PDB file of N, CA and C in Angstrom:
ATOM      1  N   ARG A   1      25.595 -53.521  -9.900  1.00  0.00           N
ATOM      2  CA  ARG A   1      24.714 -52.500  -9.438  1.00  0.00           C
ATOM      3  C   ARG A   1      23.743 -51.761 -10.019  1.00  0.00           C
ATOM      4  N   VAL A   2      22.779 -52.034 -10.146  1.00  0.00           N
ATOM      5  CA  VAL A   2      21.604 -51.082 -10.735  1.00  0.00           C
ATOM      6  C   VAL A   2      20.984 -49.767  -9.860  1.00  0.00           C
ATOM      7  N   ASN A   3      21.503 -48.599 -10.222  1.00  0.00           N
ATOM      8  CA  ASN A   3      20.998 -47.534  -9.595  1.00  0.00           C
ATOM      9  C   ASN A   3      20.373 -46.359 -10.118  1.00  0.00           C
ATOM     10  N   ARG A   4      20.082 -46.549 -11.814  1.00  0.00           N
ATOM     11  CA  ARG A   4      19.322 -45.492 -12.221  1.00  0.00           C
ATOM     12  C   ARG A   4      18.418 -46.370 -13.411  1.00  0.00           C
ATOM     13  N   VAL A   5      17.600 -45.828 -14.045  1.00  0.00           N
ATOM     14  CA  VAL A   5      16.724 -46.339 -15.050  1.00  0.00           C
ATOM     15  C   VAL A   5      16.783 -45.186 -16.240  1.00  0.00           C
ATOM     16  N   GLU A   6      16.783 -45.568 -17.497  1.00  0.00           N
ATOM     17  CA  GLU A   6      16.123 -45.095 -18.559  1.00  0.00           C
ATOM     18  C   GLU A   6      15.074 -45.381 -19.679  1.00  0.00           C
ATOM     19  N   LEU A   7      14.387 -44.489 -20.131  1.00  0.00           N
ATOM     20  CA  LEU A   7      13.877 -45.192 -21.076  1.00  0.00           C
ATOM     21  C   LEU A   7      14.629 -45.681 -22.527  1.00  0.00           C
ATOM     22  N   ILE A   8      14.202 -46.686 -23.089  1.00  0.00           N
ATOM     23  CA  ILE A   8      14.714 -47.227 -24.258  1.00  0.00           C
ATOM     24  C   ILE A   8      13.688 -46.265 -25.414  1.00  0.00           C
ATOM     25  N   PRO A   9      14.582 -45.990 -26.431  1.00  0.00           N
ATOM     26  CA  PRO A   9      13.592 -45.163 -27.386  1.00  0.00           C
ATOM     27  C   PRO A   9      12.833 -46.260 -28.139  1.00  0.00           C
ATOM     28  N   LEU A  10      11.665 -46.035 -28.504  1.00  0.00           N
ATOM     29  CA  LEU A  10      10.574 -46.744 -29.392  1.00  0.00           C
ATOM     30  C   LEU A  10      11.440 -47.720 -30.658  1.00  0.00           C
ATOM     31  N   GLU A  11      12.314 -46.514 -30.831  1.00  0.00           N
ATOM     32  CA  GLU A  11      13.068 -47.360 -32.487  1.00  0.00           C
ATOM     33  C   GLU A  11      13.958 -48.232 -31.951  1.00  0.00           C
ATOM     34  N   GLU A  12      14.770 -48.305 -30.573  1.00  0.00           N
ATOM     35  CA  GLU A  12      15.754 -49.063 -30.003  1.00  0.00           C
ATOM     36  C   GLU A  12      14.964 -50.089 -29.676  1.00  0.00           C
ATOM     37  N   LEU A  13      13.672 -50.042 -29.224  1.00  0.00           N
ATOM     38  CA  LEU A  13      12.826 -51.241 -28.689  1.00  0.00           C
ATOM     39  C   LEU A  13      12.542 -51.844 -29.653  1.00  0.00           C
ATOM     40  N   GLY A  14      11.917 -51.680 -30.604  1.00  0.00           N
ATOM     41  CA  GLY A  14      11.812 -52.111 -31.859  1.00  0.00           C
ATOM     42  C   GLY A  14      10.120 -52.964 -32.024  1.00  0.00           C
ATOM     43  N   ARG A  15       9.645 -52.340 -30.630  1.00  0.00           N
ATOM     44  CA  ARG A  15       8.289 -53.004 -30.602  1.00  0.00           C
ATOM     45  C   ARG A  15       7.431 -51.961 -29.585  1.00  0.00           C
ATOM     46  N   PRO A  16       6.135 -52.337 -29.095  1.00  0.00           N
ATOM     47  CA  PRO A  16       5.284 -51.719 -28.641  1.00  0.00           C
ATOM     48  C   PRO A  16       5.774 -51.497 -27.168  1.00  0.00           C
ATOM     49  N   ARG A  17       5.667 -50.687 -26.603  1.00  0.00           N
ATOM     50  CA  ARG A  17       5.358 -50.683 -24.595  1.00  0.00           C
ATOM     51  C   ARG A  17       4.347 -51.901 -24.303  1.00  0.00           C
ATOM     52  N   ILE A  18       4.664 -52.941 -23.440  1.00  0.00           N
ATOM     53  CA  ILE A  18       3.306 -53.365 -22.974  1.00  0.00           C
ATOM     54  C   ILE A  18       3.585 -53.142 -21.563  1.00  0.00           C
ATOM     55  N   ASP A  19       1.903 -53.098 -20.899  1.00  0.00           N
ATOM     56  CA  ASP A  19       1.585 -52.621 -19.614  1.00  0.00           C
ATOM     57  C   ASP A  19       1.971 -53.739 -18.796  1.00  0.00           C
ATOM     58  N   VAL A  20       2.134 -53.580 -17.482  1.00  0.00           N
ATOM     59  CA  VAL A  20       2.584 -54.462 -16.645  1.00  0.00           C
ATOM     60  C   VAL A  20       1.839 -54.417 -15.180  1.00  0.00           C
ATOM     61  N   VAL A  21       1.722 -55.532 -14.405  1.00  0.00           N
ATOM     62  CA  VAL A  21       1.374 -54.933 -12.937  1.00  0.00           C
ATOM     63  C   VAL A  21       2.455 -55.782 -12.340  1.00  0.00           C
ATOM     64  N   CYS A  22       3.199 -55.080 -11.386  1.00  0.00           N
ATOM     65  CA  CYS A  22       4.579 -55.812 -10.321  1.00  0.00           C
ATOM     66  C   CYS A  22       3.527 -56.220  -9.283  1.00  0.00           C
ATOM     67  N   ASN A  23       3.374 -57.403  -8.700  1.00  0.00           N
ATOM     68  CA  ASN A  23       2.692 -57.718  -7.688  1.00  0.00           C
ATOM     69  C   ASN A  23       3.893 -58.458  -6.738  1.00  0.00           C
ATOM     70  N   CYS A  24       4.514 -58.035  -5.615  1.00  0.00           N
ATOM     71  CA  CYS A  24       6.045 -58.142  -5.141  1.00  0.00           C
ATOM     72  C   CYS A  24       5.289 -58.921  -3.888  1.00  0.00           C
ATOM     73  N   SER A  25       5.540 -59.954  -3.141  1.00  0.00           N
ATOM     74  CA  SER A  25       5.760 -60.105  -1.624  1.00  0.00           C
ATOM     75  C   SER A  25       6.155 -59.200  -0.649  1.00  0.00           C
ATOM     76  N   GLY A  26       5.700 -59.057   0.343  1.00  0.00           N
ATOM     77  CA  GLY A  26       5.931 -58.388   1.455  1.00  0.00           C
ATOM     78  C   GLY A  26       7.796 -58.392   1.804  1.00  0.00           C
ATOM     79  N   VAL A  27       8.180 -59.662   1.575  1.00  0.00           N
ATOM     80  CA  VAL A  27       9.663 -59.433   2.210  1.00  0.00           C
ATOM     81  C   VAL A  27      10.401 -59.043   1.176  1.00  0.00           C
ATOM     82  N   PHE A  28      10.231 -59.588  -0.343  1.00  0.00           N
ATOM     83  CA  PHE A  28      10.874 -58.443  -1.389  1.00  0.00           C
ATOM     84  C   PHE A  28      10.565 -57.137  -1.178  1.00  0.00           C
ATOM     85  N   ARG A  29       9.398 -56.822  -0.916  1.00  0.00           N
ATOM     86  CA  ARG A  29       9.254 -55.206  -1.189  1.00  0.00           C
ATOM     87  C   ARG A  29      10.141 -54.363   0.315  1.00  0.00           C
ATOM     88  N   ASP A  30      10.229 -55.224   1.466  1.00  0.00           N
ATOM     89  CA  ASP A  30      11.170 -54.610   2.595  1.00  0.00           C
ATOM     90  C   ASP A  30      12.416 -54.396   2.551  1.00  0.00           C
ATOM     91  N   LEU A  31      12.995 -55.640   1.729  1.00  0.00           N
ATOM     92  CA  LEU A  31      14.059 -55.516   1.674  1.00  0.00           C
ATOM     93  C   LEU A  31      15.023 -55.354   0.926  1.00  0.00           C
ATOM     94  N   PHE A  32      13.831 -54.893  -0.738  1.00  0.00           N
ATOM     95  CA  PHE A  32      14.635 -54.214  -1.679  1.00  0.00           C
ATOM     96  C   PHE A  32      13.889 -53.092  -1.877  1.00  0.00           C
ATOM     97  N   ILE A  33      13.886 -51.903  -1.094  1.00  0.00           N
ATOM     98  CA  ILE A  33      12.832 -50.952  -1.297  1.00  0.00           C
ATOM     99  C   ILE A  33      13.811 -50.185  -2.462  1.00  0.00           C
ATOM    100  N   ASN A  34      14.739 -50.093  -2.648  1.00  0.00           N
ATOM    101  CA  ASN A  34      15.314 -49.525  -3.765  1.00  0.00           C
ATOM    102  C   ASN A  34      15.595 -49.830  -5.107  1.00  0.00           C
ATOM    103  N   GLN A  35      15.019 -51.186  -5.308  1.00  0.00           N
ATOM    104  CA  GLN A  35      14.400 -51.562  -6.609  1.00  0.00           C
ATOM    105  C   GLN A  35      13.219 -51.273  -6.808  1.00  0.00           C
ATOM    106  N   MET A  36      12.381 -51.522  -5.733  1.00  0.00           N
ATOM    107  CA  MET A  36      10.885 -51.416  -5.883  1.00  0.00           C
ATOM    108  C   MET A  36      10.795 -49.518  -6.713  1.00  0.00           C
ATOM    109  N   ASN A  37      11.529 -49.098  -6.175  1.00  0.00           N
ATOM    110  CA  ASN A  37      11.565 -47.870  -6.179  1.00  0.00           C
ATOM    111  C   ASN A  37      12.082 -47.560  -7.623  1.00  0.00           C
ATOM    112  N   LEU A  38      12.842 -48.180  -8.446  1.00  0.00           N
ATOM    113  CA  LEU A  38      13.033 -48.168  -9.324  1.00  0.00           C
ATOM    114  C   LEU A  38      12.278 -48.662 -10.440  1.00  0.00           C
ATOM    115  N   LEU A  39      11.698 -49.769 -10.166  1.00  0.00           N
ATOM    116  CA  LEU A  39      10.334 -50.086 -10.950  1.00  0.00           C
ATOM    117  C   LEU A  39       9.549 -49.405 -11.113  1.00  0.00           C
ATOM    118  N   ASP A  40       9.294 -48.829 -10.102  1.00  0.00           N
ATOM    119  CA  ASP A  40       8.381 -47.780  -9.718  1.00  0.00           C
ATOM    120  C   ASP A  40       8.509 -46.498 -10.938  1.00  0.00           C
ATOM    121  N   ARG A  41       9.779 -45.903 -10.534  1.00  0.00           N
ATOM    122  CA  ARG A  41      10.077 -45.093 -11.552  1.00  0.00           C
ATOM    123  C   ARG A  41      10.341 -45.157 -13.255  1.00  0.00           C
ATOM    124  N   ALA A  42      10.678 -46.545 -13.094  1.00  0.00           N
ATOM    125  CA  ALA A  42      10.670 -47.039 -15.053  1.00  0.00           C
ATOM    126  C   ALA A  42       9.555 -46.814 -15.512  1.00  0.00           C
ATOM    127  N   ILE A  43       8.063 -47.385 -14.855  1.00  0.00           N
ATOM    128  CA  ILE A  43       6.874 -47.546 -15.348  1.00  0.00           C
ATOM    129  C   ILE A  43       6.092 -46.233 -15.156  1.00  0.00           C
ATOM    130  N   LYS A  44       6.511 -45.305 -14.535  1.00  0.00           N
ATOM    131  CA  LYS A  44       5.912 -43.594 -14.447  1.00  0.00           C
ATOM    132  C   LYS A  44       6.678 -43.381 -15.701  1.00  0.00           C
ATOM    133  N   MET A  45       8.186 -43.130 -15.730  1.00  0.00           N
ATOM    134  CA  MET A  45       8.517 -42.667 -16.990  1.00  0.00           C
ATOM    135  C   MET A  45       7.905 -43.273 -18.517  1.00  0.00           C
ATOM    136  N   ALA A  46       7.826 -44.290 -18.861  1.00  0.00           N
ATOM    137  CA  ALA A  46       6.912 -44.908 -19.666  1.00  0.00           C
ATOM    138  C   ALA A  46       5.419 -44.239 -19.752  1.00  0.00           C
ATOM    139  N   ALA A  47       4.790 -43.992 -18.663  1.00  0.00           N
ATOM    140  CA  ALA A  47       3.711 -43.707 -18.930  1.00  0.00           C
ATOM    141  C   ALA A  47       3.614 -42.257 -19.232  1.00  0.00           C
ATOM    142  N   GLU A  48       4.802 -41.314 -18.754  1.00  0.00           N
ATOM    143  CA  GLU A  48       4.538 -40.060 -19.018  1.00  0.00           C
ATOM    144  C   GLU A  48       5.340 -39.783 -20.332  1.00  0.00           C
ATOM    145  N   ALA A  49       5.935 -40.513 -21.031  1.00  0.00           N
ATOM    146  CA  ALA A  49       6.959 -40.684 -22.372  1.00  0.00           C
ATOM    147  C   ALA A  49       5.930 -40.030 -23.378  1.00  0.00           C
ATOM    148  N   ASP A  50       5.961 -39.019 -24.500  1.00  0.00           N
ATOM    149  CA  ASP A  50       5.210 -38.402 -25.158  1.00  0.00           C
ATOM    150  C   ASP A  50       5.417 -39.534 -26.721  1.00  0.00           C
ATOM    151  N   GLU A  51       4.654 -40.267 -26.397  1.00  0.00           N
ATOM    152  CA  GLU A  51       4.930 -41.293 -27.901  1.00  0.00           C
ATOM    153  C   GLU A  51       3.564 -41.628 -28.159  1.00  0.00           C
ATOM    154  N   PRO A  52       2.919 -41.926 -28.949  1.00  0.00           N
ATOM    155  CA  PRO A  52       1.531 -42.760 -29.687  1.00  0.00           C
ATOM    156  C   PRO A  52       1.296 -43.852 -28.844  1.00  0.00           C
ATOM    157  N   ILE A  53       0.140 -43.494 -28.481  1.00  0.00           N
ATOM    158  CA  ILE A  53      -0.551 -44.894 -27.499  1.00  0.00           C
ATOM    159  C   ILE A  53      -0.852 -46.185 -27.933  1.00  0.00           C
ATOM    160  N   ASP A  54      -0.625 -46.516 -29.685  1.00  0.00           N
ATOM    161  CA  ASP A  54      -0.741 -47.692 -29.894  1.00  0.00           C
ATOM    162  C   ASP A  54       0.681 -48.462 -29.971  1.00  0.00           C
ATOM    163  N   GLN A  55       1.586 -47.532 -29.150  1.00  0.00           N
ATOM    164  CA  GLN A  55       2.840 -47.778 -29.091  1.00  0.00           C
ATOM    165  C   GLN A  55       3.465 -48.037 -27.785  1.00  0.00           C
ATOM    166  N   ASN A  56       2.423 -47.627 -27.130  1.00  0.00           N
ATOM    167  CA  ASN A  56       2.716 -47.337 -25.370  1.00  0.00           C
ATOM    168  C   ASN A  56       1.682 -47.821 -24.973  1.00  0.00           C
ATOM    169  N   TYR A  57       1.413 -48.729 -24.410  1.00  0.00           N
ATOM    170  CA  TYR A  57       0.149 -49.509 -23.363  1.00  0.00           C
ATOM    171  C   TYR A  57       0.086 -48.890 -22.027  1.00  0.00           C
ATOM    172  N   VAL A  58       1.265 -48.758 -21.768  1.00  0.00           N
ATOM    173  CA  VAL A  58       1.598 -47.978 -20.493  1.00  0.00           C
ATOM    174  C   VAL A  58       0.629 -46.755 -20.364  1.00  0.00           C
ATOM    175  N   ARG A  59       1.050 -45.943 -21.536  1.00  0.00           N
ATOM    176  CA  ARG A  59       0.589 -44.781 -21.532  1.00  0.00           C
ATOM    177  C   ARG A  59      -0.785 -44.582 -21.772  1.00  0.00           C
ATOM    178  N   LYS A  60      -1.208 -45.695 -22.772  1.00  0.00           N
ATOM    179  CA  LYS A  60      -2.530 -45.433 -22.978  1.00  0.00           C
ATOM    180  C   LYS A  60      -3.487 -45.880 -22.007  1.00  0.00           C
ATOM    181  N   HIS A  61      -3.206 -46.998 -21.198  1.00  0.00           N
ATOM    182  CA  HIS A  61      -3.917 -47.255 -19.855  1.00  0.00           C
ATOM    183  C   HIS A  61      -3.851 -46.440 -18.793  1.00  0.00           C
ATOM    184  N   ALA A  62      -2.832 -45.572 -18.351  1.00  0.00           N
ATOM    185  CA  ALA A  62      -2.548 -44.794 -17.343  1.00  0.00           C
ATOM    186  C   ALA A  62      -3.727 -43.718 -17.903  1.00  0.00           C
ATOM    187  N   LEU A  63      -3.289 -42.829 -19.342  1.00  0.00           N
ATOM    188  CA  LEU A  63      -4.352 -42.044 -19.440  1.00  0.00           C
ATOM    189  C   LEU A  63      -5.867 -42.486 -19.506  1.00  0.00           C
ATOM    190  N   GLU A  64      -6.040 -43.905 -19.610  1.00  0.00           N
ATOM    191  CA  GLU A  64      -7.676 -43.894 -19.633  1.00  0.00           C
ATOM    192  C   GLU A  64      -8.061 -44.230 -18.211  1.00  0.00           C
ATOM    193  N   GLN A  65      -7.114 -44.776 -16.896  1.00  0.00           N
ATOM    194  CA  GLN A  65      -7.392 -44.621 -15.689  1.00  0.00           C
ATOM    195  C   GLN A  65      -7.346 -43.480 -15.222  1.00  0.00           C
ATOM    196  N   ALA A  66      -6.496 -42.494 -15.417  1.00  0.00           N
ATOM    197  CA  ALA A  66      -6.523 -40.855 -14.945  1.00  0.00           C
ATOM    198  C   ALA A  66      -8.100 -40.431 -15.348  1.00  0.00           C
ATOM    199  N   GLU A  67      -8.429 -40.617 -16.569  1.00  0.00           N
ATOM    200  CA  GLU A  67      -9.693 -39.853 -16.838  1.00  0.00           C
ATOM    201  C   GLU A  67     -11.186 -40.844 -15.981  1.00  0.00           C
ATOM    202  N   GLU A  68     -11.165 -41.956 -15.960  1.00  0.00           N
ATOM    203  CA  GLU A  68     -12.183 -42.217 -15.367  1.00  0.00           C
ATOM    204  C   GLU A  68     -12.420 -42.544 -13.833  1.00  0.00           C
ATOM    205  N   PHE A  69     -11.318 -42.118 -13.057  1.00  0.00           N
ATOM    206  CA  PHE A  69     -11.179 -41.785 -11.791  1.00  0.00           C
ATOM    207  C   PHE A  69     -10.661 -40.647 -11.256  1.00  0.00           C
ATOM    208  N   ASN A  70     -10.671 -39.718 -12.259  1.00  0.00           N
ATOM    209  CA  ASN A  70     -10.163 -38.199 -12.134  1.00  0.00           C
ATOM    210  C   ASN A  70      -9.177 -38.088 -11.247  1.00  0.00           C
ATOM    211  N   ILE A  71      -8.044 -38.850 -11.592  1.00  0.00           N
ATOM    212  CA  ILE A  71      -6.665 -38.503 -10.961  1.00  0.00           C
ATOM    213  C   ILE A  71      -5.767 -38.154 -11.794  1.00  0.00           C
ATOM    214  N   SER A  72      -4.446 -37.751 -11.431  1.00  0.00           N
ATOM    215  CA  SER A  72      -3.592 -37.565 -12.040  1.00  0.00           C
ATOM    216  C   SER A  72      -2.815 -38.779 -13.251  1.00  0.00           C
ATOM    217  N   LEU A  73      -1.933 -38.235 -14.292  1.00  0.00           N
ATOM    218  CA  LEU A  73      -1.520 -39.360 -14.651  1.00  0.00           C
ATOM    219  C   LEU A  73      -0.452 -40.373 -13.982  1.00  0.00           C
ATOM    220  N   ARG A  74       0.235 -39.132 -13.192  1.00  0.00           N
ATOM    221  CA  ARG A  74       1.267 -40.133 -12.187  1.00  0.00           C
ATOM    222  C   ARG A  74       0.704 -41.334 -11.120  1.00  0.00           C
ATOM    223  N   GLU A  75      -0.410 -41.047 -10.642  1.00  0.00           N
ATOM    224  CA  GLU A  75      -1.281 -41.638 -10.081  1.00  0.00           C
ATOM    225  C   GLU A  75      -1.975 -42.910 -10.915  1.00  0.00           C
ATOM    226  N   ALA A  76      -2.445 -42.611 -11.757  1.00  0.00           N
ATOM    227  CA  ALA A  76      -2.904 -43.964 -12.594  1.00  0.00           C
ATOM    228  C   ALA A  76      -1.810 -44.551 -13.116  1.00  0.00           C
ATOM    229  N   SER A  77      -0.644 -44.338 -12.992  1.00  0.00           N
ATOM    230  CA  SER A  77       0.455 -45.210 -13.507  1.00  0.00           C
ATOM    231  C   SER A  77       1.080 -46.363 -12.754  1.00  0.00           C
ATOM    232  N   THR A  78       0.147 -45.957 -11.573  1.00  0.00           N
ATOM    233  CA  THR A  78       1.054 -46.979 -10.320  1.00  0.00           C
ATOM    234  C   THR A  78       0.447 -48.331 -10.880  1.00  0.00           C
ATOM    235  N   ARG A  79       1.986 -49.391 -11.038  1.00  0.00           N
ATOM    236  CA  ARG A  79       2.106 -50.603 -11.407  1.00  0.00           C
ATOM    237  C   ARG A  79       2.410 -51.295 -10.283  1.00  0.00           C
ATOM    238  N   VAL A  80       3.169 -50.936  -8.929  1.00  0.00           N
ATOM    239  CA  VAL A  80       4.022 -51.802  -8.085  1.00  0.00           C
ATOM    240  C   VAL A  80       3.149 -52.198  -6.960  1.00  0.00           C
ATOM    241  N   PHE A  81       2.658 -53.082  -6.633  1.00  0.00           N
ATOM    242  CA  PHE A  81       1.946 -53.520  -5.458  1.00  0.00           C
ATOM    243  C   PHE A  81       2.345 -54.242  -4.470  1.00  0.00           C
TER     244      PHE A  81
END
């Protein structure tokens, strides 16, 4: 049973972090709210990681969106819909 997430260090990951959008059906979202929260937490952790933006596209795009829309990094890192 998965009940927490942790960020894999870039050195261990061995590649850049990619950006994603999670588009889930209403049934999945409603039945698996804890898993949806874990996905959201993992994406926000990646966006807030102190890593070079050429190795972390989640952070790069969230920073760009935060600036463009004048919102917080946390809001800009929303990727679960």
